[in-house]
Amino acid sequence: MSLFLPQAIHIIQKNKIVEFIPNKKLVWLATESIRKTDGYDWTGTKFIFELTPKGDNTLLKFIYDGVVLESESDRLVLICDMTMKDMFYNFIINGKGK
């Protein structure tokens, strides 16, 4: 089992890799999660990353497979955007997240 623990102090989250196909797909499952500020829990959510060759490049598709409360949808878009365009990109290019 692999765990990923975010650095945010107001969030507790443990992720387990449940599917891994080298150079094609990675699926994380949130096995434990809670936002301390309001008790929001997203345990059971899957974060799916799919890689597809596209010419000389690679297309990365991100899928959030979980419940999204109506009040959380805009916030989730911002978090996923920051995660993919900032933290994940920096990890790929520099070998470490932001």
C-alpha atoms as a PDB file:
ATOM      1  CA  MET A   1       0.000   0.000   0.000  1.00  0.00           C
ATOM      2  CA  SER A   2       1.233   3.490  -0.879  1.00  0.00           C
ATOM      3  CA  LEU A   3       0.066   6.533   1.020  1.00  0.00           C
ATOM      4  CA  PHE A   4       0.100  10.168  -0.017  1.00  0.00           C
ATOM      5  CA  LEU A   5      -0.335  12.644   2.803  1.00  0.00           C
ATOM      6  CA  PRO A   6      -0.978  16.268   1.798  1.00  0.00           C
ATOM      7  CA  GLN A   7       0.846  18.984   3.726  1.00  0.00           C
ATOM      8  CA  ALA A   8      -2.233  21.106   4.526  1.00  0.00           C
ATOM      9  CA  ILE A   9      -2.680  21.232   8.296  1.00  0.00           C
ATOM     10  CA  HIS A  10      -6.488  21.521   8.143  1.00  0.00           C
ATOM     11  CA  ILE A  11      -6.854  18.357   6.015  1.00  0.00           C
ATOM     12  CA  ILE A  12      -6.238  14.738   6.868  1.00  0.00           C
ATOM     13  CA  GLN A  13      -6.062  12.505   3.806  1.00  0.00           C
ATOM     14  CA  LYS A  14      -4.598   9.091   3.105  1.00  0.00           C
ATOM     15  CA  ASN A  15      -4.553   7.754  -0.439  1.00  0.00           C
ATOM     16  CA  LYS A  16      -3.893   4.226  -1.586  1.00  0.00           C
ATOM     17  CA  ILE A  17      -2.805   3.309  -5.109  1.00  0.00           C
ATOM     18  CA  VAL A  18      -5.475   0.862  -6.303  1.00  0.00           C
ATOM     19  CA  GLU A  19      -4.518   0.627  -9.976  1.00  0.00           C
ATOM     20  CA  PHE A  20      -1.229   1.216 -11.752  1.00  0.00           C
ATOM     21  CA  ILE A  21      -0.439   0.550 -15.395  1.00  0.00           C
ATOM     22  CA  PRO A  22       3.054   1.934 -16.158  1.00  0.00           C
ATOM     23  CA  ASN A  23       3.002   4.802 -18.665  1.00  0.00           C
ATOM     24  CA  LYS A  24      -0.804   4.570 -18.957  1.00  0.00           C
ATOM     25  CA  LYS A  25      -2.840   4.884 -15.766  1.00  0.00           C
ATOM     26  CA  LEU A  26      -2.692   5.598 -12.032  1.00  0.00           C
ATOM     27  CA  VAL A  27      -5.677   5.502  -9.679  1.00  0.00           C
ATOM     28  CA  TRP A  28      -5.555   6.829  -6.110  1.00  0.00           C
ATOM     29  CA  LEU A  29      -8.325   5.990  -3.668  1.00  0.00           C
ATOM     30  CA  ALA A  30      -8.927   8.262  -0.683  1.00  0.00           C
ATOM     31  CA  THR A  31      -9.002   5.720   2.158  1.00  0.00           C
ATOM     32  CA  GLU A  32      -9.293   8.315   4.903  1.00  0.00           C
ATOM     33  CA  SER A  33     -10.126  11.989   4.560  1.00  0.00           C
ATOM     34  CA  ILE A  34     -11.574  14.859   6.504  1.00  0.00           C
ATOM     35  CA  ARG A  35     -11.370  18.620   6.429  1.00  0.00           C
ATOM     36  CA  LYS A  36     -11.052  19.694  10.046  1.00  0.00           C
ATOM     37  CA  THR A  37     -12.677  23.096   9.529  1.00  0.00           C
ATOM     38  CA  ASP A  38     -16.125  21.672   8.709  1.00  0.00           C
ATOM     39  CA  GLY A  39     -15.929  17.862   8.842  1.00  0.00           C
ATOM     40  CA  TYR A  40     -16.256  17.403   5.071  1.00  0.00           C
ATOM     41  CA  ASP A  41     -15.282  13.805   4.203  1.00  0.00           C
ATOM     42  CA  TRP A  42     -14.403  12.511   0.713  1.00  0.00           C
ATOM     43  CA  THR A  43     -13.318   8.984   1.682  1.00  0.00           C
ATOM     44  CA  GLY A  44     -13.953   6.625  -1.234  1.00  0.00           C
ATOM     45  CA  THR A  45     -13.163   9.215  -3.904  1.00  0.00           C
ATOM     46  CA  LYS A  46     -10.900   8.073  -6.741  1.00  0.00           C
ATOM     47  CA  PHE A  47      -8.353  10.343  -8.419  1.00  0.00           C
ATOM     48  CA  ILE A  48      -7.650   8.889 -11.865  1.00  0.00           C
ATOM     49  CA  PHE A  49      -4.709   9.905 -14.057  1.00  0.00           C
ATOM     50  CA  GLU A  50      -4.614   8.545 -17.623  1.00  0.00           C
ATOM     51  CA  LEU A  51      -1.716   9.070 -20.058  1.00  0.00           C
ATOM     52  CA  THR A  52      -2.219   8.837 -23.831  1.00  0.00           C
ATOM     53  CA  PRO A  53       0.471   9.359 -26.501  1.00  0.00           C
ATOM     54  CA  LYS A  54      -0.396  12.209 -28.854  1.00  0.00           C
ATOM     55  CA  GLY A  55       2.249  12.687 -31.553  1.00  0.00           C
ATOM     56  CA  ASP A  56       5.490  13.744 -29.855  1.00  0.00           C
ATOM     57  CA  ASN A  57       3.598  14.667 -26.683  1.00  0.00           C
ATOM     58  CA  THR A  58       1.547  12.978 -23.992  1.00  0.00           C
ATOM     59  CA  LEU A  59      -2.022  13.862 -23.086  1.00  0.00           C
ATOM     60  CA  LEU A  60      -2.810  13.720 -19.358  1.00  0.00           C
ATOM     61  CA  LYS A  61      -6.455  13.184 -18.466  1.00  0.00           C
ATOM     62  CA  PHE A  62      -7.513  13.710 -14.840  1.00  0.00           C
ATOM     63  CA  ILE A  63     -10.792  12.301 -13.551  1.00  0.00           C
ATOM     64  CA  TYR A  64     -12.249  13.040 -10.113  1.00  0.00           C
ATOM     65  CA  ASP A  65     -14.581  10.162  -9.331  1.00  0.00           C
ATOM     66  CA  GLY A  66     -16.409  11.082  -6.161  1.00  0.00           C
ATOM     67  CA  VAL A  67     -19.276  12.974  -4.618  1.00  0.00           C
ATOM     68  CA  VAL A  68     -19.191  16.734  -5.109  1.00  0.00           C
ATOM     69  CA  LEU A  69     -21.527  18.819  -3.004  1.00  0.00           C
ATOM     70  CA  GLU A  70     -23.122  21.687  -4.910  1.00  0.00           C
ATOM     71  CA  SER A  71     -21.459  24.164  -2.544  1.00  0.00           C
ATOM     72  CA  GLU A  72     -18.044  22.537  -3.215  1.00  0.00           C
ATOM     73  CA  SER A  73     -18.014  22.396  -7.036  1.00  0.00           C
ATOM     74  CA  ASP A  74     -16.303  25.752  -7.709  1.00  0.00           C
ATOM     75  CA  ARG A  75     -13.765  25.099  -4.954  1.00  0.00           C
ATOM     76  CA  LEU A  76     -13.038  21.621  -6.318  1.00  0.00           C
ATOM     77  CA  VAL A  77     -12.360  23.028  -9.795  1.00  0.00           C
ATOM     78  CA  LEU A  78      -9.842  25.490  -8.314  1.00  0.00           C
ATOM     79  CA  ILE A  79      -8.129  22.791  -6.242  1.00  0.00           C
ATOM     80  CA  CYS A  80      -7.881  20.364  -9.176  1.00  0.00           C
ATOM     81  CA  ASP A  81      -6.631  23.152 -11.446  1.00  0.00           C
ATOM     82  CA  MET A  82      -3.939  24.137  -8.919  1.00  0.00           C
ATOM     83  CA  THR A  83      -2.984  20.505  -8.334  1.00  0.00           C
ATOM     84  CA  MET A  84      -2.590  19.699 -12.029  1.00  0.00           C
ATOM     85  CA  LYS A  85      -1.162  22.965 -13.392  1.00  0.00           C
ATOM     86  CA  ASP A  86       1.083  23.871 -10.482  1.00  0.00           C
ATOM     87  CA  MET A  87       1.962  21.045  -8.114  1.00  0.00           C
ATOM     88  CA  PHE A  88       1.853  18.070 -10.518  1.00  0.00           C
ATOM     89  CA  TYR A  89       3.552  20.019 -13.325  1.00  0.00           C
ATOM     90  CA  ASN A  90       6.372  21.080 -10.973  1.00  0.00           C
ATOM     91  CA  PHE A  91       6.747  17.481  -9.850  1.00  0.00           C
ATOM     92  CA  ILE A  92       7.104  16.259 -13.460  1.00  0.00           C
ATOM     93  CA  ILE A  93       9.512  19.041 -14.500  1.00  0.00           C
ATOM     94  CA  ASN A  94      11.539  19.528 -11.277  1.00  0.00           C
ATOM     95  CA  GLY A  95      11.084  16.220  -9.459  1.00  0.00           C
ATOM     96  CA  LYS A  96       9.267  17.834  -6.539  1.00  0.00           C
ATOM     97  CA  GLY A  97       5.901  19.460  -5.911  1.00  0.00           C
ATOM     98  CA  LYS A  98       5.465  23.053  -4.927  1.00  0.00           C
END
